[in-house]
Amino acid sequence: MEILVSLMVLSLVFLGLLNLFISGRKYIQHSQSRITAIELGKLFMDPLQMEVRQNDWDGSGNYLTVGRIIPFDPQTKASVTYSATSDPVTAVGTTTLRRVKTTITWNEKQ
């Protein structure tokens, strides 16, 4: 009887540890995907330094392209496809500075 009780307790401890390792693995995979998305976001934003010029703005300070500024090609890294979209350029306060918001999306591996 004591052996059965100890086996039950031991199996519950092992199941808890197994669940902990599985959750940790999913968290690590998600973190790796986020890091890759951040690096690709930098890659997607790099063309803006070359493509956005003063003559691309109209007289009222609006960028001539509405919606996506530059077409971003989806990138596949470690069997995960990342894609990016940019929101229209918006003014920053009352300055002549403009802000671009780029959103990176991907599907998590299961």
Protein backbone atom coordinates (compact mmCIF):
# COMPACT_ATOMS: atom_id res chain seq x y z
CA MET A 1 0.00 0.00 0.00
CA GLU A 2 2.83 2.40 0.83
CA ILE A 3 4.42 1.71 -2.53
CA LEU A 4 1.20 2.59 -4.37
CA VAL A 5 0.85 5.86 -2.45
CA SER A 6 4.48 6.79 -3.08
CA LEU A 7 4.09 5.96 -6.80
CA MET A 8 1.01 8.19 -6.99
CA VAL A 9 2.83 11.08 -5.31
CA LEU A 10 5.88 10.58 -7.49
CA SER A 11 3.77 10.48 -10.67
CA LEU A 12 2.02 13.73 -9.69
CA VAL A 13 5.40 15.40 -9.14
CA PHE A 14 6.67 14.17 -12.52
CA LEU A 15 3.50 15.36 -14.28
CA GLY A 16 3.95 18.79 -12.72
CA LEU A 17 7.57 18.93 -13.85
CA LEU A 18 6.65 17.78 -17.34
CA ASN A 19 4.04 20.52 -17.59
CA LEU A 20 6.63 23.05 -16.42
CA PHE A 21 9.11 21.97 -19.11
CA ILE A 22 6.45 22.07 -21.85
CA SER A 23 5.37 25.58 -20.82
CA GLY A 24 8.99 26.71 -20.70
CA ARG A 25 9.62 25.37 -24.19
CA LYS A 26 6.60 27.23 -25.59
CA TYR A 27 7.73 30.44 -23.89
CA ILE A 28 11.24 30.10 -25.32
CA GLN A 29 9.86 29.49 -28.84
CA HIS A 30 7.61 32.54 -28.53
CA SER A 31 10.53 34.67 -27.32
CA GLN A 32 12.68 33.52 -30.23
CA SER A 33 9.89 34.42 -32.66
CA ARG A 34 9.57 37.87 -31.08
CA ILE A 35 13.32 38.48 -31.33
CA THR A 36 13.28 37.44 -34.99
CA ALA A 37 10.30 39.74 -35.61
CA ILE A 38 12.15 42.66 -34.03
CA GLU A 39 15.21 42.07 -36.20
CA LEU A 40 13.06 41.75 -39.31
CA GLY A 41 11.22 44.93 -38.33
CA LYS A 42 14.53 46.73 -38.48
CA LEU A 43 15.15 45.14 -41.88
CA PHE A 44 11.70 46.20 -43.11
CA MET A 45 12.23 49.77 -41.90
CA ASP A 46 15.70 50.21 -43.44
CA PRO A 47 14.39 51.06 -46.94
CA LEU A 48 12.59 54.07 -45.49
CA GLN A 49 15.93 55.76 -44.95
CA MET A 50 16.58 55.63 -48.70
CA GLU A 51 13.03 55.83 -50.08
CA VAL A 52 11.55 58.67 -48.05
CA ARG A 53 12.74 61.95 -49.54
CA GLN A 54 11.58 65.53 -49.20
CA ASN A 55 9.95 65.50 -52.66
CA ASP A 56 7.67 62.62 -51.53
CA TRP A 57 5.73 65.05 -49.31
CA ASP A 58 3.01 67.36 -50.51
CA GLY A 59 2.72 70.99 -49.47
CA SER A 60 0.60 70.24 -46.39
CA GLY A 61 3.17 67.81 -44.94
CA ASN A 62 1.46 64.57 -45.95
CA TYR A 63 3.33 61.65 -47.44
CA LEU A 64 2.07 61.02 -50.97
CA THR A 65 1.52 57.30 -50.41
CA VAL A 66 -1.45 56.30 -48.28
CA GLY A 67 -1.47 53.03 -46.34
CA ARG A 68 1.59 50.88 -46.90
CA ILE A 69 4.55 53.04 -47.66
CA ILE A 70 6.84 50.44 -49.16
CA PRO A 71 5.75 46.92 -50.16
CA PHE A 72 7.34 44.49 -47.75
CA ASP A 73 8.11 41.00 -48.97
CA PRO A 74 7.25 38.29 -46.42
CA GLN A 75 10.31 36.65 -44.87
CA THR A 76 10.50 33.01 -43.75
CA LYS A 77 12.85 32.10 -40.92
CA ALA A 78 12.90 28.68 -39.25
CA SER A 79 9.66 27.69 -41.03
CA VAL A 80 7.80 30.75 -39.66
CA THR A 81 6.64 33.38 -42.17
CA TYR A 82 6.82 36.99 -41.01
CA SER A 83 5.01 39.78 -42.83
CA ALA A 84 4.91 43.51 -42.23
CA THR A 85 2.50 46.35 -42.85
CA SER A 86 2.93 50.05 -42.22
CA ASP A 87 0.32 52.51 -41.07
CA PRO A 88 0.11 55.85 -42.82
CA VAL A 89 2.57 58.47 -41.74
CA THR A 90 1.21 60.71 -39.00
CA ALA A 91 2.47 64.02 -37.68
CA VAL A 92 4.25 64.16 -34.35
CA GLY A 93 2.64 66.98 -32.41
CA THR A 94 3.06 70.36 -34.06
CA THR A 95 6.48 69.52 -35.52
CA THR A 96 7.36 68.61 -39.09
CA LEU A 97 8.44 65.15 -37.92
CA ARG A 98 6.44 62.15 -39.14
CA ARG A 99 5.83 58.78 -37.52
CA VAL A 100 5.51 55.40 -39.26
CA LYS A 101 4.09 52.41 -37.38
CA THR A 102 5.17 49.04 -38.77
CA THR A 103 3.38 45.91 -37.55
CA ILE A 104 5.07 42.51 -37.88
CA THR A 105 2.80 39.46 -37.89
CA TRP A 106 3.61 35.75 -37.85
CA ASN A 107 2.05 32.40 -37.00
CA GLU A 108 3.39 30.62 -33.97
CA LYS A 109 4.64 27.08 -34.37
CA GLN A 110 2.61 24.57 -32.40
